[in-house]
Amino acid sequence: MENKLNVDVCICAYNEEANISNLLTALLNQKTKLIEISNIVVVSSGSTDKTNDITKEFIKKNKKIKLIQQNKREGKAAAINDFLKITKADLTVLESGDTVPTENTIEELCSPFVNNEKLGMTGCRSIPSNKQDNLLGYIIHFWWWVSSKLPRYGEIIAFRNVIPRLNPKTSVDEAWVETKLQKMGYTLNYVDTTFIHNKGADNLTDLLKQRRRVYVGHTQLRTYEKYKVTSFNFLDILKYLIKYWKKSPSLIHLIWLIEGCFIEIYGRLLGMYDMHIKHKNPYKWDIATTTKKIK
């Protein structure tokens, strides 16, 4: 097919040695028809592990892969900005360094842009590898299921190359891109037919690191950009909570969902504390280390 859409993939990485090989291998093995993946760019932001060395070994074998090394960790948005300076592709795919796509993910994520000039961004589902036979595993699966229903864009997105740079201080890069594209008049499309694999937190400490940081970022969007993300719609969350419980109704699942609500509330309270008491902007966030290896 002529006139394929040109796609560059950006992987923002900080100490991703546990997964970067799996991710790069999966991206090199993508099956495509309507698009062409021109470059796979790893932006390593102050990594101190073997992330850079592993990436360099891949570069020796495939010229599509590029490496941008930042001497110090400057935050994910700053890493994306370094990528945006060099990409000339029609579409940009941002994928988290601790995820793995299926062989068709990039094609299915980008093909809706063909013959739809009004489309600005797409996203897809994330399926965590955590087992669901415990509190954290169950609520992590619940949260990502809810994210696919709202929908909430995260972990991987594709968007038109019309944004020259992100606010380097944002801690919710996907939501920031979503905000800007909608203000520019573009539409969004959630592709629920495809997905990526990820790993949720294995302990409460790591989960709260994520929830408080996301709350701060989304609150900043609402305050400064006048944009309300879908996860702030309480009634929708409640509706999907009931639907999720009905998928496998049991007393223990009901208890876990209630406990999950309290964890989310506590995470948001911590986010409020970070914002209003500590005056902390988590654009260089505390790493949830238990999410870094997909089982």
C-alpha atoms as a PDB file:
ATOM      1  CA  MET A   1       0.000   0.000   0.000  1.00  0.00           C
ATOM      2  CA  GLU A   2       1.303   3.421  -0.949  1.00  0.00           C
ATOM      3  CA  ASN A   3       1.238   6.483   1.290  1.00  0.00           C
ATOM      4  CA  LYS A   4       1.476   4.587   4.530  1.00  0.00           C
ATOM      5  CA  LEU A   5       1.358   6.678   7.678  1.00  0.00           C
ATOM      6  CA  ASN A   6       4.826   7.182   9.075  1.00  0.00           C
ATOM      7  CA  VAL A   7       5.147   6.374  12.790  1.00  0.00           C
ATOM      8  CA  ASP A   8       7.873   7.008  15.349  1.00  0.00           C
ATOM      9  CA  VAL A   9       7.696   5.250  18.712  1.00  0.00           C
ATOM     10  CA  CYS A  10       9.025   6.985  21.822  1.00  0.00           C
ATOM     11  CA  ILE A  11       9.929   4.972  24.920  1.00  0.00           C
ATOM     12  CA  CYS A  12      10.677   7.044  27.998  1.00  0.00           C
ATOM     13  CA  ALA A  13      12.908   4.972  30.246  1.00  0.00           C
ATOM     14  CA  TYR A  14      14.406   5.288  33.689  1.00  0.00           C
ATOM     15  CA  ASN A  15      16.129   2.134  34.940  1.00  0.00           C
ATOM     16  CA  GLU A  16      14.072  -0.232  32.783  1.00  0.00           C
ATOM     17  CA  GLU A  17      16.650  -3.031  32.454  1.00  0.00           C
ATOM     18  CA  ALA A  18      14.083  -5.629  33.574  1.00  0.00           C
ATOM     19  CA  ASN A  19      11.768  -4.963  30.620  1.00  0.00           C
ATOM     20  CA  ILE A  20      13.469  -2.905  27.892  1.00  0.00           C
ATOM     21  CA  SER A  21      14.625  -5.986  25.975  1.00  0.00           C
ATOM     22  CA  ASN A  22      11.107  -7.459  25.923  1.00  0.00           C
ATOM     23  CA  LEU A  23       9.646  -4.126  24.825  1.00  0.00           C
ATOM     24  CA  LEU A  24      12.126  -3.495  22.002  1.00  0.00           C
ATOM     25  CA  THR A  25      11.760  -7.063  20.737  1.00  0.00           C
ATOM     26  CA  ALA A  26       7.969  -6.714  20.681  1.00  0.00           C
ATOM     27  CA  LEU A  27       8.159  -3.399  18.816  1.00  0.00           C
ATOM     28  CA  LEU A  28      10.537  -4.809  16.206  1.00  0.00           C
ATOM     29  CA  ASN A  29       8.123  -7.697  15.610  1.00  0.00           C
ATOM     30  CA  GLN A  30       5.043  -5.551  14.974  1.00  0.00           C
ATOM     31  CA  LYS A  31       2.810  -6.605  12.091  1.00  0.00           C
ATOM     32  CA  THR A  32       1.820  -3.578  10.007  1.00  0.00           C
ATOM     33  CA  LYS A  33      -0.094  -2.890   6.782  1.00  0.00           C
ATOM     34  CA  LEU A  34      -1.413   0.682   6.881  1.00  0.00           C
ATOM     35  CA  ILE A  35       1.507   2.218   8.756  1.00  0.00           C
ATOM     36  CA  GLU A  36       5.274   2.069   8.766  1.00  0.00           C
ATOM     37  CA  ILE A  37       7.336   2.255  11.949  1.00  0.00           C
ATOM     38  CA  SER A  38      10.362   4.343  10.994  1.00  0.00           C
ATOM     39  CA  ASN A  39      12.086   4.845  14.326  1.00  0.00           C
ATOM     40  CA  ILE A  40      11.936   3.420  17.827  1.00  0.00           C
ATOM     41  CA  VAL A  41      13.519   5.996  20.107  1.00  0.00           C
ATOM     42  CA  VAL A  42      14.493   5.215  23.688  1.00  0.00           C
ATOM     43  CA  VAL A  43      14.905   8.363  25.771  1.00  0.00           C
ATOM     44  CA  SER A  44      16.872   7.235  28.802  1.00  0.00           C
ATOM     45  CA  SER A  45      16.510   9.844  31.515  1.00  0.00           C
ATOM     46  CA  GLY A  46      19.439   9.474  33.900  1.00  0.00           C
ATOM     47  CA  SER A  47      19.305   5.666  33.952  1.00  0.00           C
ATOM     48  CA  THR A  48      21.919   4.103  36.235  1.00  0.00           C
ATOM     49  CA  ASP A  49      21.257   0.437  35.432  1.00  0.00           C
ATOM     50  CA  LYS A  50      21.809  -1.513  32.189  1.00  0.00           C
ATOM     51  CA  THR A  51      19.030   0.190  30.197  1.00  0.00           C
ATOM     52  CA  ASN A  52      21.472   2.074  27.959  1.00  0.00           C
ATOM     53  CA  ASP A  53      23.752  -0.928  27.402  1.00  0.00           C
ATOM     54  CA  ILE A  54      20.846  -3.178  26.450  1.00  0.00           C
ATOM     55  CA  THR A  55      19.487  -0.557  24.049  1.00  0.00           C
ATOM     56  CA  LYS A  56      22.906  -0.117  22.418  1.00  0.00           C
ATOM     57  CA  GLU A  57      23.064  -3.858  21.741  1.00  0.00           C
ATOM     58  CA  PHE A  58      19.730  -3.602  19.922  1.00  0.00           C
ATOM     59  CA  ILE A  59      20.994  -0.605  17.934  1.00  0.00           C
ATOM     60  CA  LYS A  60      23.842  -2.734  16.577  1.00  0.00           C
ATOM     61  CA  LYS A  61      21.279  -5.128  15.100  1.00  0.00           C
ATOM     62  CA  ASN A  62      18.595  -2.720  13.886  1.00  0.00           C
ATOM     63  CA  LYS A  63      18.976   0.847  12.634  1.00  0.00           C
ATOM     64  CA  LYS A  64      15.379   1.715  13.501  1.00  0.00           C
ATOM     65  CA  ILE A  65      16.313   1.903  17.153  1.00  0.00           C
ATOM     66  CA  LYS A  66      17.778   5.149  18.471  1.00  0.00           C
ATOM     67  CA  LEU A  67      18.951   6.188  21.926  1.00  0.00           C
ATOM     68  CA  ILE A  68      18.778   9.642  23.489  1.00  0.00           C
ATOM     69  CA  GLN A  69      20.657   9.786  26.792  1.00  0.00           C
ATOM     70  CA  GLN A  70      19.860  12.466  29.344  1.00  0.00           C
ATOM     71  CA  ASN A  71      22.641  12.857  31.882  1.00  0.00           C
ATOM     72  CA  LYS A  72      20.213  13.466  34.714  1.00  0.00           C
ATOM     73  CA  ARG A  73      16.607  12.574  35.333  1.00  0.00           C
ATOM     74  CA  GLU A  74      14.442  15.519  34.282  1.00  0.00           C
ATOM     75  CA  GLY A  75      10.979  13.952  34.271  1.00  0.00           C
ATOM     76  CA  LYS A  76       9.006  12.084  31.627  1.00  0.00           C
ATOM     77  CA  ALA A  77       7.599  15.183  29.909  1.00  0.00           C
ATOM     78  CA  ALA A  78      11.108  16.583  29.432  1.00  0.00           C
ATOM     79  CA  ALA A  79      12.157  13.249  27.927  1.00  0.00           C
ATOM     80  CA  ILE A  80       9.224  13.387  25.510  1.00  0.00           C
ATOM     81  CA  ASN A  81      10.225  16.924  24.526  1.00  0.00           C
ATOM     82  CA  ASP A  82      13.708  15.720  23.555  1.00  0.00           C
ATOM     83  CA  PHE A  83      12.044  13.144  21.313  1.00  0.00           C
ATOM     84  CA  LEU A  84       9.646  15.680  19.781  1.00  0.00           C
ATOM     85  CA  LYS A  85      12.621  17.813  18.749  1.00  0.00           C
ATOM     86  CA  ILE A  86      13.830  15.119  16.344  1.00  0.00           C
ATOM     87  CA  THR A  87      10.745  13.262  15.106  1.00  0.00           C
ATOM     88  CA  LYS A  88       9.430  14.052  11.646  1.00  0.00           C
ATOM     89  CA  ALA A  89       6.837  11.279  11.519  1.00  0.00           C
ATOM     90  CA  ASP A  90       3.126  11.738  10.840  1.00  0.00           C
ATOM     91  CA  LEU A  91       2.251  10.029  14.112  1.00  0.00           C
ATOM     92  CA  THR A  92       3.932   9.645  17.461  1.00  0.00           C
ATOM     93  CA  VAL A  93       3.410   6.654  19.716  1.00  0.00           C
ATOM     94  CA  LEU A  94       4.303   7.151  23.366  1.00  0.00           C
ATOM     95  CA  GLU A  95       4.748   3.872  25.218  1.00  0.00           C
ATOM     96  CA  SER A  96       5.783   3.420  28.824  1.00  0.00           C
ATOM     97  CA  GLY A  97       9.046   1.553  29.311  1.00  0.00           C
ATOM     98  CA  ASP A  98       7.441  -0.977  31.631  1.00  0.00           C
ATOM     99  CA  THR A  99       4.871  -2.310  29.140  1.00  0.00           C
ATOM    100  CA  VAL A 100       4.849  -4.833  26.281  1.00  0.00           C
ATOM    101  CA  PRO A 101       2.568  -4.561  23.204  1.00  0.00           C
ATOM    102  CA  THR A 102       0.998  -7.424  21.290  1.00  0.00           C
ATOM    103  CA  GLU A 103       2.186  -7.976  17.727  1.00  0.00           C
ATOM    104  CA  ASN A 104      -0.731  -5.924  16.337  1.00  0.00           C
ATOM    105  CA  THR A 105      -0.938  -3.136  18.917  1.00  0.00           C
ATOM    106  CA  ILE A 106       0.819  -0.347  16.996  1.00  0.00           C
ATOM    107  CA  GLU A 107      -1.065  -1.080  13.761  1.00  0.00           C
ATOM    108  CA  GLU A 108      -4.446  -1.126  15.488  1.00  0.00           C
ATOM    109  CA  LEU A 109      -3.609   1.967  17.508  1.00  0.00           C
ATOM    110  CA  CYS A 110      -2.555   3.975  14.444  1.00  0.00           C
ATOM    111  CA  SER A 111      -4.818   2.686  11.646  1.00  0.00           C
ATOM    112  CA  PRO A 112      -7.840   4.802  12.760  1.00  0.00           C
ATOM    113  CA  PHE A 113      -5.865   7.885  11.653  1.00  0.00           C
ATOM    114  CA  VAL A 114      -6.024   6.716   8.035  1.00  0.00           C
ATOM    115  CA  ASN A 115      -8.627   8.830   6.197  1.00  0.00           C
ATOM    116  CA  ASN A 116      -9.626  10.652   9.395  1.00  0.00           C
ATOM    117  CA  GLU A 117      -7.903  14.008   9.503  1.00  0.00           C
ATOM    118  CA  LYS A 118      -9.941  15.143  12.508  1.00  0.00           C
ATOM    119  CA  LEU A 119      -8.611  12.359  14.723  1.00  0.00           C
ATOM    120  CA  GLY A 120      -5.914  13.600  17.070  1.00  0.00           C
ATOM    121  CA  MET A 121      -5.197  10.779  19.494  1.00  0.00           C
ATOM    122  CA  THR A 122      -5.891   7.126  20.199  1.00  0.00           C
ATOM    123  CA  GLY A 123      -5.331   4.879  23.182  1.00  0.00           C
ATOM    124  CA  CYS A 124      -5.985   1.271  24.076  1.00  0.00           C
ATOM    125  CA  ARG A 125      -6.448  -1.110  26.979  1.00  0.00           C
ATOM    126  CA  SER A 126      -3.796  -2.150  29.475  1.00  0.00           C
ATOM    127  CA  ILE A 127      -4.011  -5.673  30.853  1.00  0.00           C
ATOM    128  CA  PRO A 128      -2.017  -6.156  34.051  1.00  0.00           C
ATOM    129  CA  SER A 129      -0.172  -9.396  34.718  1.00  0.00           C
ATOM    130  CA  ASN A 130      -1.062  -9.337  38.428  1.00  0.00           C
ATOM    131  CA  LYS A 131      -3.030 -12.260  39.828  1.00  0.00           C
ATOM    132  CA  GLN A 132      -6.541 -11.399  40.996  1.00  0.00           C
ATOM    133  CA  ASP A 133      -6.613 -13.666  44.048  1.00  0.00           C
ATOM    134  CA  ASN A 134      -5.591 -10.888  46.440  1.00  0.00           C
ATOM    135  CA  LEU A 135      -6.676  -7.358  47.347  1.00  0.00           C
ATOM    136  CA  LEU A 136      -4.143  -5.362  45.315  1.00  0.00           C
ATOM    137  CA  GLY A 137      -4.298  -7.606  42.258  1.00  0.00           C
ATOM    138  CA  TYR A 138      -8.086  -7.483  42.186  1.00  0.00           C
ATOM    139  CA  ILE A 139      -8.382  -3.708  42.490  1.00  0.00           C
ATOM    140  CA  ILE A 140      -5.584  -3.136  39.957  1.00  0.00           C
ATOM    141  CA  HIS A 141      -7.490  -5.230  37.417  1.00  0.00           C
ATOM    142  CA  PHE A 142     -10.650  -3.331  38.382  1.00  0.00           C
ATOM    143  CA  TRP A 143      -8.999   0.047  37.876  1.00  0.00           C
ATOM    144  CA  TRP A 144      -7.597  -0.784  34.446  1.00  0.00           C
ATOM    145  CA  TRP A 145     -10.969  -2.250  33.429  1.00  0.00           C
ATOM    146  CA  VAL A 146     -12.663   0.976  34.521  1.00  0.00           C
ATOM    147  CA  SER A 147     -10.025   2.969  32.620  1.00  0.00           C
ATOM    148  CA  SER A 148     -11.042   1.161  29.441  1.00  0.00           C
ATOM    149  CA  LYS A 149     -14.709   1.996  30.011  1.00  0.00           C
ATOM    150  CA  LEU A 150     -14.462   5.706  30.910  1.00  0.00           C
ATOM    151  CA  PRO A 151     -12.145   5.738  28.875  1.00  0.00           C
ATOM    152  CA  ARG A 152      -8.895   7.000  30.385  1.00  0.00           C
ATOM    153  CA  TYR A 153      -5.815   7.255  28.176  1.00  0.00           C
ATOM    154  CA  GLY A 154      -2.544   5.997  29.634  1.00  0.00           C
ATOM    155  CA  GLU A 155       0.495   3.702  29.241  1.00  0.00           C
ATOM    156  CA  ILE A 156       0.379   3.966  25.439  1.00  0.00           C
ATOM    157  CA  ILE A 157      -1.090   6.584  23.113  1.00  0.00           C
ATOM    158  CA  ALA A 158      -0.726   7.555  19.465  1.00  0.00           C
ATOM    159  CA  PHE A 159      -1.174  11.163  18.378  1.00  0.00           C
ATOM    160  CA  ARG A 160      -0.608  13.454  15.429  1.00  0.00           C
ATOM    161  CA  ASN A 161       2.716  15.208  15.315  1.00  0.00           C
ATOM    162  CA  VAL A 162       1.180  18.657  15.843  1.00  0.00           C
ATOM    163  CA  ILE A 163       2.371  19.366  19.383  1.00  0.00           C
ATOM    164  CA  PRO A 164       5.895  20.831  19.443  1.00  0.00           C
ATOM    165  CA  ARG A 165       6.446  20.268  23.157  1.00  0.00           C
ATOM    166  CA  LEU A 166       4.777  19.349  26.434  1.00  0.00           C
ATOM    167  CA  ASN A 167       4.736  21.298  29.651  1.00  0.00           C
ATOM    168  CA  PRO A 168       7.930  19.854  31.212  1.00  0.00           C
ATOM    169  CA  LYS A 169       6.393  20.090  34.678  1.00  0.00           C
ATOM    170  CA  THR A 170       3.345  17.916  34.007  1.00  0.00           C
ATOM    171  CA  SER A 171       3.185  14.559  35.778  1.00  0.00           C
ATOM    172  CA  VAL A 172       0.386  13.215  33.545  1.00  0.00           C
ATOM    173  CA  ASP A 173       1.793  13.433  30.030  1.00  0.00           C
ATOM    174  CA  GLU A 174      -0.944  11.453  28.248  1.00  0.00           C
ATOM    175  CA  ALA A 175      -3.716  13.529  29.817  1.00  0.00           C
ATOM    176  CA  TRP A 176      -1.831  16.733  28.956  1.00  0.00           C
ATOM    177  CA  VAL A 177      -1.612  15.692  25.286  1.00  0.00           C
ATOM    178  CA  GLU A 178      -5.310  14.773  25.384  1.00  0.00           C
ATOM    179  CA  THR A 179      -6.154  18.226  26.724  1.00  0.00           C
ATOM    180  CA  LYS A 180      -4.151  20.122  24.115  1.00  0.00           C
ATOM    181  CA  LEU A 181      -5.398  18.122  21.142  1.00  0.00           C
ATOM    182  CA  GLN A 182      -9.036  18.583  22.113  1.00  0.00           C
ATOM    183  CA  LYS A 183      -8.466  22.320  22.494  1.00  0.00           C
ATOM    184  CA  MET A 184      -7.014  22.278  18.967  1.00  0.00           C
ATOM    185  CA  GLY A 185     -10.249  20.756  17.680  1.00  0.00           C
ATOM    186  CA  TYR A 186      -9.118  17.160  17.268  1.00  0.00           C
ATOM    187  CA  THR A 187     -11.147  14.133  18.326  1.00  0.00           C
ATOM    188  CA  LEU A 188     -10.109  11.124  20.409  1.00  0.00           C
ATOM    189  CA  ASN A 189     -10.655   7.422  19.760  1.00  0.00           C
ATOM    190  CA  TYR A 190     -10.257   4.633  22.299  1.00  0.00           C
ATOM    191  CA  VAL A 191      -9.348   1.394  20.510  1.00  0.00           C
ATOM    192  CA  ASP A 192     -10.696  -1.300  22.805  1.00  0.00           C
ATOM    193  CA  THR A 193      -9.925  -4.108  20.347  1.00  0.00           C
ATOM    194  CA  THR A 194      -6.214  -4.067  21.153  1.00  0.00           C
ATOM    195  CA  PHE A 195      -4.118  -3.865  24.291  1.00  0.00           C
ATOM    196  CA  ILE A 196      -0.704  -3.859  25.915  1.00  0.00           C
ATOM    197  CA  HIS A 197       0.591  -5.816  28.883  1.00  0.00           C
ATOM    198  CA  ASN A 198       1.704  -4.039  32.039  1.00  0.00           C
ATOM    199  CA  LYS A 199       2.293  -4.776  35.701  1.00  0.00           C
ATOM    200  CA  GLY A 200       0.480  -3.191  38.618  1.00  0.00           C
ATOM    201  CA  ALA A 201       2.005  -2.452  42.001  1.00  0.00           C
ATOM    202  CA  ASP A 202       2.681  -5.407  44.288  1.00  0.00           C
ATOM    203  CA  ASN A 203       2.490  -3.420  47.505  1.00  0.00           C
ATOM    204  CA  LEU A 204       0.426  -0.607  48.939  1.00  0.00           C
ATOM    205  CA  THR A 205       3.365   1.807  49.116  1.00  0.00           C
ATOM    206  CA  ASP A 206       3.979   1.624  45.371  1.00  0.00           C
ATOM    207  CA  LEU A 207       0.272   1.874  44.581  1.00  0.00           C
ATOM    208  CA  LEU A 208      -0.081   5.025  46.673  1.00  0.00           C
ATOM    209  CA  LYS A 209       2.965   6.548  44.958  1.00  0.00           C
ATOM    210  CA  GLN A 210       1.090   6.224  41.683  1.00  0.00           C
ATOM    211  CA  ARG A 211      -2.342   7.317  42.880  1.00  0.00           C
ATOM    212  CA  ARG A 212      -1.168  10.476  44.674  1.00  0.00           C
ATOM    213  CA  ARG A 213       0.973  11.523  41.701  1.00  0.00           C
ATOM    214  CA  VAL A 214      -1.845  10.997  39.196  1.00  0.00           C
ATOM    215  CA  TYR A 215      -4.266  12.954  41.376  1.00  0.00           C
ATOM    216  CA  VAL A 216      -1.894  15.932  41.515  1.00  0.00           C
ATOM    217  CA  GLY A 217      -1.404  15.907  37.746  1.00  0.00           C
ATOM    218  CA  HIS A 218      -5.112  15.663  36.981  1.00  0.00           C
ATOM    219  CA  THR A 219      -5.937  18.387  39.502  1.00  0.00           C
ATOM    220  CA  GLN A 220      -3.374  20.665  37.865  1.00  0.00           C
ATOM    221  CA  LEU A 221      -5.048  20.091  34.504  1.00  0.00           C
ATOM    222  CA  ARG A 222      -8.428  20.986  35.972  1.00  0.00           C
ATOM    223  CA  THR A 223      -7.025  24.087  37.695  1.00  0.00           C
ATOM    224  CA  TYR A 224      -4.785  25.522  34.993  1.00  0.00           C
ATOM    225  CA  GLU A 225      -6.210  24.097  31.757  1.00  0.00           C
ATOM    226  CA  LYS A 226      -9.884  23.947  32.854  1.00  0.00           C
ATOM    227  CA  TYR A 227      -9.957  20.310  31.724  1.00  0.00           C
ATOM    228  CA  LYS A 228     -11.608  17.565  33.751  1.00  0.00           C
ATOM    229  CA  VAL A 229     -10.411  14.012  33.134  1.00  0.00           C
ATOM    230  CA  THR A 230     -12.948  11.191  33.062  1.00  0.00           C
ATOM    231  CA  SER A 231     -11.643   9.592  36.265  1.00  0.00           C
ATOM    232  CA  PHE A 232     -12.964  12.585  38.233  1.00  0.00           C
ATOM    233  CA  ASN A 233     -16.560  11.559  37.432  1.00  0.00           C
ATOM    234  CA  PHE A 234     -17.604   9.892  40.694  1.00  0.00           C
ATOM    235  CA  LEU A 235     -20.965   8.571  39.493  1.00  0.00           C
ATOM    236  CA  ASP A 236     -19.368   6.869  36.493  1.00  0.00           C
ATOM    237  CA  ILE A 237     -16.781   5.225  38.745  1.00  0.00           C
ATOM    238  CA  LEU A 238     -19.549   3.988  41.052  1.00  0.00           C
ATOM    239  CA  LYS A 239     -21.557   2.623  38.124  1.00  0.00           C
ATOM    240  CA  TYR A 240     -18.596   0.654  36.804  1.00  0.00           C
ATOM    241  CA  LEU A 241     -17.670  -0.546  40.279  1.00  0.00           C
ATOM    242  CA  ILE A 242     -21.069  -2.227  40.548  1.00  0.00           C
ATOM    243  CA  LYS A 243     -20.762  -3.687  37.038  1.00  0.00           C
ATOM    244  CA  TYR A 244     -17.317  -5.082  37.792  1.00  0.00           C
ATOM    245  CA  TRP A 245     -18.485  -6.731  41.001  1.00  0.00           C
ATOM    246  CA  LYS A 246     -21.378  -8.362  39.146  1.00  0.00           C
ATOM    247  CA  LYS A 247     -18.864 -10.058  36.821  1.00  0.00           C
ATOM    248  CA  SER A 248     -17.832 -12.327  39.732  1.00  0.00           C
ATOM    249  CA  PRO A 249     -20.037 -11.452  42.705  1.00  0.00           C
ATOM    250  CA  SER A 250     -18.785 -12.597  46.098  1.00  0.00           C
ATOM    251  CA  LEU A 251     -18.439 -11.148  49.560  1.00  0.00           C
ATOM    252  CA  ILE A 252     -14.640 -11.025  49.411  1.00  0.00           C
ATOM    253  CA  HIS A 253     -14.712  -9.170  46.078  1.00  0.00           C
ATOM    254  CA  LEU A 254     -17.167  -6.657  47.520  1.00  0.00           C
ATOM    255  CA  ILE A 255     -14.877  -6.132  50.515  1.00  0.00           C
ATOM    256  CA  TRP A 256     -11.868  -5.692  48.232  1.00  0.00           C
ATOM    257  CA  LEU A 257     -13.692  -3.114  46.104  1.00  0.00           C
ATOM    258  CA  ILE A 258     -14.702  -1.147  49.199  1.00  0.00           C
ATOM    259  CA  GLU A 259     -11.115  -1.299  50.465  1.00  0.00           C
ATOM    260  CA  GLY A 260      -9.961  -0.193  47.021  1.00  0.00           C
ATOM    261  CA  CYS A 261     -12.204   2.871  47.270  1.00  0.00           C
ATOM    262  CA  PHE A 262     -10.627   3.784  50.593  1.00  0.00           C
ATOM    263  CA  ILE A 263      -7.143   3.316  49.099  1.00  0.00           C
ATOM    264  CA  GLU A 264      -8.074   5.671  46.241  1.00  0.00           C
ATOM    265  CA  ILE A 265      -9.493   8.234  48.665  1.00  0.00           C
ATOM    266  CA  TYR A 266      -6.349   8.019  50.783  1.00  0.00           C
ATOM    267  CA  GLY A 267      -4.188   8.417  47.673  1.00  0.00           C
ATOM    268  CA  ARG A 268      -6.101  11.544  46.687  1.00  0.00           C
ATOM    269  CA  LEU A 269      -5.758  12.936  50.209  1.00  0.00           C
ATOM    270  CA  LEU A 270      -2.003  12.366  49.976  1.00  0.00           C
ATOM    271  CA  GLY A 271      -2.077  14.172  46.634  1.00  0.00           C
ATOM    272  CA  MET A 272      -3.865  17.112  48.252  1.00  0.00           C
ATOM    273  CA  TYR A 273      -1.209  17.143  50.965  1.00  0.00           C
ATOM    274  CA  ASP A 274       1.533  17.151  48.321  1.00  0.00           C
ATOM    275  CA  MET A 275      -0.106  20.044  46.473  1.00  0.00           C
ATOM    276  CA  HIS A 276      -1.300  22.321  49.247  1.00  0.00           C
ATOM    277  CA  ILE A 277       1.042  21.594  52.163  1.00  0.00           C
ATOM    278  CA  LYS A 278       4.308  20.428  50.601  1.00  0.00           C
ATOM    279  CA  HIS A 279       3.785  22.428  47.369  1.00  0.00           C
ATOM    280  CA  LYS A 280       5.271  19.447  45.549  1.00  0.00           C
ATOM    281  CA  ASN A 281       4.928  18.850  41.827  1.00  0.00           C
ATOM    282  CA  PRO A 282       5.708  15.150  41.170  1.00  0.00           C
ATOM    283  CA  TYR A 283       6.851  15.524  37.544  1.00  0.00           C
ATOM    284  CA  LYS A 284       9.950  13.564  38.611  1.00  0.00           C
ATOM    285  CA  TRP A 285       7.953  11.007  40.504  1.00  0.00           C
ATOM    286  CA  ASP A 286       8.917   8.370  43.033  1.00  0.00           C
ATOM    287  CA  ILE A 287       9.383   5.111  41.158  1.00  0.00           C
ATOM    288  CA  ALA A 288       7.040   2.213  41.879  1.00  0.00           C
ATOM    289  CA  THR A 289       9.703  -0.483  41.583  1.00  0.00           C
ATOM    290  CA  THR A 290       7.324  -3.460  41.745  1.00  0.00           C
ATOM    291  CA  THR A 291       5.757  -2.445  38.406  1.00  0.00           C
ATOM    292  CA  LYS A 292       8.966  -2.861  36.429  1.00  0.00           C
ATOM    293  CA  LYS A 293       8.942  -6.549  35.571  1.00  0.00           C
ATOM    294  CA  ILE A 294       6.024  -8.056  33.695  1.00  0.00           C
ATOM    295  CA  LYS A 295       5.557 -11.664  34.718  1.00  0.00           C
END
